[in-house]
N, C-alpha and C. Protein backbone atom coordinates (compact mmCIF):
# COMPACT_ATOMS: atom_id res chain seq x y z
N MET A 1 -16.92 4.46 -11.86
CA MET A 1 -16.32 3.94 -10.65
C MET A 1 -16.38 4.98 -9.54
N LEU A 2 -17.52 5.14 -9.01
CA LEU A 2 -17.70 6.07 -7.91
C LEU A 2 -17.48 5.37 -6.58
N ALA A 3 -16.83 6.06 -5.68
CA ALA A 3 -16.62 5.50 -4.35
C ALA A 3 -17.93 5.58 -3.57
N ARG A 4 -18.19 4.54 -2.78
CA ARG A 4 -19.37 4.52 -1.93
C ARG A 4 -18.94 4.71 -0.49
N MET A 5 -19.86 5.11 0.33
CA MET A 5 -19.55 5.35 1.75
C MET A 5 -19.06 4.10 2.46
N ASP A 6 -19.49 2.91 2.01
CA ASP A 6 -19.09 1.69 2.70
C ASP A 6 -17.88 1.00 2.07
N ASP A 7 -17.23 1.66 1.09
CA ASP A 7 -16.01 1.09 0.52
C ASP A 7 -14.90 1.10 1.57
N PRO A 8 -14.07 0.04 1.60
CA PRO A 8 -12.93 0.06 2.53
C PRO A 8 -11.97 1.18 2.16
N ILE A 9 -11.17 1.60 3.11
CA ILE A 9 -10.19 2.68 2.91
C ILE A 9 -8.79 2.07 2.84
N CYS A 10 -8.03 2.49 1.84
CA CYS A 10 -6.65 2.02 1.70
C CYS A 10 -5.82 2.59 2.84
N PRO A 11 -5.08 1.76 3.57
CA PRO A 11 -4.30 2.25 4.71
C PRO A 11 -3.07 3.06 4.31
N LEU A 12 -2.69 3.04 3.03
CA LEU A 12 -1.54 3.84 2.62
C LEU A 12 -1.98 5.22 2.14
N CYS A 13 -2.88 5.27 1.15
CA CYS A 13 -3.26 6.56 0.56
C CYS A 13 -4.52 7.15 1.18
N LEU A 14 -5.21 6.36 1.98
CA LEU A 14 -6.43 6.78 2.68
C LEU A 14 -7.58 7.14 1.74
N ARG A 15 -7.54 6.60 0.50
CA ARG A 15 -8.65 6.76 -0.45
C ARG A 15 -9.56 5.54 -0.35
N PRO A 16 -10.83 5.68 -0.72
CA PRO A 16 -11.71 4.51 -0.77
C PRO A 16 -11.23 3.50 -1.80
N ILE A 17 -11.55 2.24 -1.58
CA ILE A 17 -11.21 1.17 -2.52
C ILE A 17 -12.51 0.60 -3.08
N PRO A 18 -12.99 1.13 -4.22
CA PRO A 18 -14.21 0.58 -4.81
C PRO A 18 -14.00 -0.89 -5.21
N ALA A 19 -15.08 -1.64 -5.19
CA ALA A 19 -15.00 -3.08 -5.48
C ALA A 19 -14.50 -3.37 -6.88
N ASP A 20 -14.69 -2.45 -7.81
CA ASP A 20 -14.34 -2.72 -9.21
C ASP A 20 -12.97 -2.19 -9.62
N VAL A 21 -12.10 -1.86 -8.66
CA VAL A 21 -10.73 -1.44 -9.00
C VAL A 21 -9.76 -2.51 -8.52
N PRO A 22 -8.59 -2.62 -9.16
CA PRO A 22 -7.60 -3.61 -8.72
C PRO A 22 -7.19 -3.36 -7.26
N GLN A 23 -7.21 -4.43 -6.49
CA GLN A 23 -6.87 -4.34 -5.07
C GLN A 23 -6.08 -5.58 -4.66
N SER A 24 -5.37 -5.48 -3.56
CA SER A 24 -4.52 -6.56 -3.07
C SER A 24 -4.57 -6.62 -1.56
N LEU A 25 -4.34 -7.82 -1.03
CA LEU A 25 -4.16 -7.98 0.41
C LEU A 25 -2.66 -7.90 0.70
N HIS A 26 -2.30 -7.04 1.63
CA HIS A 26 -0.90 -6.88 2.03
C HIS A 26 -0.71 -7.51 3.41
N HIS A 27 0.23 -8.44 3.53
CA HIS A 27 0.58 -9.01 4.83
C HIS A 27 1.45 -7.99 5.56
N LEU A 28 1.01 -7.54 6.71
CA LEU A 28 1.78 -6.53 7.45
C LEU A 28 3.15 -7.06 7.83
N THR A 29 3.25 -8.33 8.17
CA THR A 29 4.54 -8.99 8.31
C THR A 29 4.62 -9.96 7.14
N PRO A 30 5.62 -9.82 6.28
CA PRO A 30 5.69 -10.67 5.09
C PRO A 30 5.63 -12.16 5.43
N LYS A 31 4.98 -12.92 4.56
CA LYS A 31 4.85 -14.36 4.77
C LYS A 31 6.20 -15.02 4.95
N LEU A 32 7.20 -14.57 4.19
CA LEU A 32 8.54 -15.17 4.27
C LEU A 32 9.25 -14.83 5.58
N ARG A 33 8.71 -13.88 6.31
CA ARG A 33 9.32 -13.46 7.58
C ARG A 33 8.42 -13.78 8.77
N GLY A 34 7.59 -14.81 8.62
CA GLY A 34 6.77 -15.27 9.73
C GLY A 34 5.36 -14.72 9.75
N GLY A 35 4.95 -14.01 8.70
CA GLY A 35 3.63 -13.40 8.70
C GLY A 35 2.53 -14.23 8.08
N LYS A 36 2.84 -15.47 7.72
CA LYS A 36 1.81 -16.32 7.12
C LYS A 36 0.69 -16.52 8.15
N GLY A 37 -0.52 -16.21 7.74
CA GLY A 37 -1.64 -16.30 8.66
C GLY A 37 -1.78 -15.09 9.57
N GLY A 38 -0.86 -14.13 9.46
CA GLY A 38 -0.91 -12.92 10.28
C GLY A 38 -1.85 -11.88 9.70
N PRO A 39 -1.89 -10.71 10.31
CA PRO A 39 -2.82 -9.69 9.86
C PRO A 39 -2.50 -9.19 8.45
N THR A 40 -3.57 -8.90 7.72
CA THR A 40 -3.46 -8.35 6.37
C THR A 40 -4.32 -7.09 6.29
N VAL A 41 -4.00 -6.25 5.33
CA VAL A 41 -4.82 -5.07 5.05
C VAL A 41 -5.10 -5.03 3.56
N LEU A 42 -6.29 -4.57 3.20
CA LEU A 42 -6.67 -4.42 1.81
C LEU A 42 -6.15 -3.08 1.32
N MET A 43 -5.49 -3.10 0.15
CA MET A 43 -4.90 -1.89 -0.42
C MET A 43 -5.25 -1.82 -1.90
N HIS A 44 -5.19 -0.59 -2.45
CA HIS A 44 -5.21 -0.47 -3.91
C HIS A 44 -4.00 -1.24 -4.43
N HIS A 45 -4.16 -1.87 -5.57
CA HIS A 45 -3.04 -2.63 -6.12
C HIS A 45 -1.83 -1.72 -6.37
N ILE A 46 -2.06 -0.52 -6.87
CA ILE A 46 -0.96 0.41 -7.13
C ILE A 46 -0.22 0.76 -5.83
N CYS A 47 -0.95 0.90 -4.73
CA CYS A 47 -0.32 1.21 -3.44
C CYS A 47 0.49 0.02 -2.94
N HIS A 48 -0.06 -1.18 -3.10
CA HIS A 48 0.63 -2.39 -2.68
C HIS A 48 1.93 -2.57 -3.46
N LYS A 49 1.86 -2.33 -4.77
CA LYS A 49 3.08 -2.45 -5.59
C LYS A 49 4.13 -1.44 -5.15
N GLU A 50 3.71 -0.24 -4.79
CA GLU A 50 4.67 0.78 -4.35
C GLU A 50 5.33 0.37 -3.04
N VAL A 51 4.58 -0.22 -2.12
CA VAL A 51 5.16 -0.70 -0.86
C VAL A 51 6.29 -1.67 -1.15
N HIS A 52 6.04 -2.64 -2.03
CA HIS A 52 7.06 -3.65 -2.30
C HIS A 52 8.19 -3.14 -3.19
N ALA A 53 7.95 -2.07 -3.95
CA ALA A 53 9.02 -1.45 -4.72
C ALA A 53 9.95 -0.64 -3.80
N ALA A 54 9.39 -0.10 -2.73
CA ALA A 54 10.16 0.77 -1.84
C ALA A 54 10.90 0.02 -0.74
N LEU A 55 10.36 -1.10 -0.29
CA LEU A 55 10.89 -1.75 0.91
C LEU A 55 11.17 -3.23 0.68
N SER A 56 12.22 -3.72 1.29
CA SER A 56 12.53 -5.15 1.23
C SER A 56 11.65 -5.90 2.23
N GLU A 57 11.61 -7.21 2.09
CA GLU A 57 10.85 -8.05 3.02
C GLU A 57 11.38 -7.86 4.44
N ALA A 58 12.69 -7.76 4.59
CA ALA A 58 13.28 -7.58 5.92
C ALA A 58 12.86 -6.24 6.52
N GLU A 59 12.88 -5.17 5.72
CA GLU A 59 12.46 -3.85 6.23
C GLU A 59 10.98 -3.87 6.63
N LEU A 60 10.16 -4.53 5.80
CA LEU A 60 8.73 -4.63 6.12
C LEU A 60 8.52 -5.36 7.44
N ALA A 61 9.23 -6.44 7.64
CA ALA A 61 9.07 -7.23 8.87
C ALA A 61 9.59 -6.48 10.10
N ARG A 62 10.72 -5.82 9.93
CA ARG A 62 11.40 -5.21 11.07
C ARG A 62 10.80 -3.86 11.47
N ARG A 63 10.54 -2.98 10.49
CA ARG A 63 10.19 -1.60 10.84
C ARG A 63 8.86 -1.10 10.31
N TYR A 64 8.41 -1.68 9.24
CA TYR A 64 7.25 -1.12 8.54
C TYR A 64 6.09 -2.12 8.52
N ASN A 65 5.72 -2.62 9.69
CA ASN A 65 4.71 -3.67 9.77
C ASN A 65 3.37 -3.18 10.32
N THR A 66 3.13 -1.87 10.22
CA THR A 66 1.83 -1.29 10.54
C THR A 66 1.50 -0.27 9.46
N PRO A 67 0.22 0.04 9.26
CA PRO A 67 -0.13 1.08 8.29
C PRO A 67 0.51 2.42 8.63
N GLU A 68 0.57 2.76 9.90
CA GLU A 68 1.17 4.03 10.31
C GLU A 68 2.65 4.08 9.94
N ALA A 69 3.35 2.98 10.18
CA ALA A 69 4.78 2.92 9.85
C ALA A 69 4.98 3.03 8.34
N LEU A 70 4.14 2.37 7.56
CA LEU A 70 4.24 2.47 6.10
C LEU A 70 4.08 3.92 5.66
N ARG A 71 3.08 4.61 6.21
CA ARG A 71 2.85 6.01 5.83
C ARG A 71 3.99 6.92 6.28
N SER A 72 4.78 6.50 7.26
CA SER A 72 5.88 7.34 7.75
C SER A 72 7.14 7.21 6.89
N HIS A 73 7.23 6.19 6.05
CA HIS A 73 8.41 6.03 5.21
C HIS A 73 8.45 7.17 4.19
N PRO A 74 9.58 7.84 4.00
CA PRO A 74 9.63 9.01 3.12
C PRO A 74 9.11 8.76 1.70
N ARG A 75 9.56 7.70 1.06
CA ARG A 75 9.11 7.44 -0.32
C ARG A 75 7.61 7.14 -0.33
N LEU A 76 7.14 6.36 0.62
CA LEU A 76 5.72 6.01 0.64
C LEU A 76 4.86 7.21 1.01
N ALA A 77 5.37 8.09 1.87
CA ALA A 77 4.63 9.30 2.21
C ALA A 77 4.48 10.20 0.99
N ARG A 78 5.56 10.35 0.20
CA ARG A 78 5.48 11.15 -1.03
C ARG A 78 4.49 10.52 -2.01
N PHE A 79 4.59 9.19 -2.16
CA PHE A 79 3.68 8.49 -3.07
C PHE A 79 2.23 8.67 -2.61
N ALA A 80 1.97 8.48 -1.33
CA ALA A 80 0.60 8.58 -0.81
C ALA A 80 0.04 9.98 -1.04
N ALA A 81 0.85 11.00 -0.82
CA ALA A 81 0.39 12.38 -1.05
C ALA A 81 0.08 12.60 -2.54
N TRP A 82 0.93 12.03 -3.41
CA TRP A 82 0.73 12.17 -4.85
C TRP A 82 -0.52 11.43 -5.30
N VAL A 83 -0.65 10.17 -4.93
CA VAL A 83 -1.77 9.35 -5.42
C VAL A 83 -3.09 9.78 -4.78
N ALA A 84 -3.05 10.38 -3.61
CA ALA A 84 -4.28 10.83 -2.94
C ALA A 84 -5.02 11.88 -3.76
N ARG A 85 -4.31 12.56 -4.65
CA ARG A 85 -4.93 13.56 -5.51
C ARG A 85 -5.57 12.95 -6.76
N ARG A 86 -5.45 11.62 -6.90
CA ARG A 86 -6.04 10.92 -8.04
C ARG A 86 -7.33 10.23 -7.61
N PRO A 87 -8.19 9.92 -8.59
CA PRO A 87 -9.42 9.20 -8.24
C PRO A 87 -9.09 7.79 -7.74
N PRO A 88 -9.99 7.16 -6.98
CA PRO A 88 -9.73 5.83 -6.43
C PRO A 88 -9.39 4.77 -7.49
N ALA A 89 -9.87 4.92 -8.71
CA ALA A 89 -9.62 3.92 -9.75
C ALA A 89 -8.35 4.21 -10.55
N PHE A 90 -7.56 5.19 -10.15
CA PHE A 90 -6.35 5.56 -10.88
C PHE A 90 -5.37 4.40 -10.96
N LEU A 91 -4.83 4.17 -12.16
CA LEU A 91 -3.82 3.14 -12.38
C LEU A 91 -2.61 3.76 -13.04
N SER A 92 -1.44 3.29 -12.71
CA SER A 92 -0.20 3.77 -13.31
C SER A 92 0.86 2.72 -13.07
N LYS A 93 1.90 2.77 -13.85
CA LYS A 93 3.03 1.89 -13.60
C LYS A 93 3.78 2.39 -12.37
N VAL A 94 4.29 1.46 -11.59
CA VAL A 94 5.06 1.80 -10.39
C VAL A 94 6.53 1.66 -10.73
N PRO A 95 7.34 2.69 -10.45
CA PRO A 95 8.76 2.58 -10.73
C PRO A 95 9.40 1.46 -9.91
N GLY A 96 10.53 1.00 -10.37
CA GLY A 96 11.23 -0.09 -9.70
C GLY A 96 11.88 0.32 -8.41
N ARG A 97 12.87 -0.43 -8.01
CA ARG A 97 13.51 -0.25 -6.71
C ARG A 97 14.54 0.86 -6.69
N ARG A 98 14.64 1.64 -7.74
CA ARG A 98 15.61 2.73 -7.76
C ARG A 98 15.30 3.77 -6.69
N GLY A 99 16.30 4.38 -6.10
CA GLY A 99 16.12 5.47 -5.16
C GLY A 99 15.23 5.14 -3.99
N ARG A 100 15.57 4.12 -3.26
CA ARG A 100 14.70 3.60 -2.21
C ARG A 100 14.56 4.52 -1.01
N GLY A 101 15.17 5.68 -0.99
CA GLY A 101 15.12 6.50 0.21
C GLY A 101 13.95 7.26 0.42
């Protein structure tokens, strides 16, 4: 699973997203908060799971509805720095909603 130059880049961890690794589309404004049909970004599945473990739908809609805002959240910034040191195909379990700060 080597990254290619034309692989999309995950907006959270800024690593390439090879076609053969788990990936997800993230609605920048959650569908339940009016984001149905709105902009989406492609993310590693592990990064997408971390976003939803760290933030509620209301927080995502209100404050964290851009890639830059997601990267500025303390928990997501720590996660992004940690996962950025792993290969693009890295998989791991994502902790639950504990310690959301």
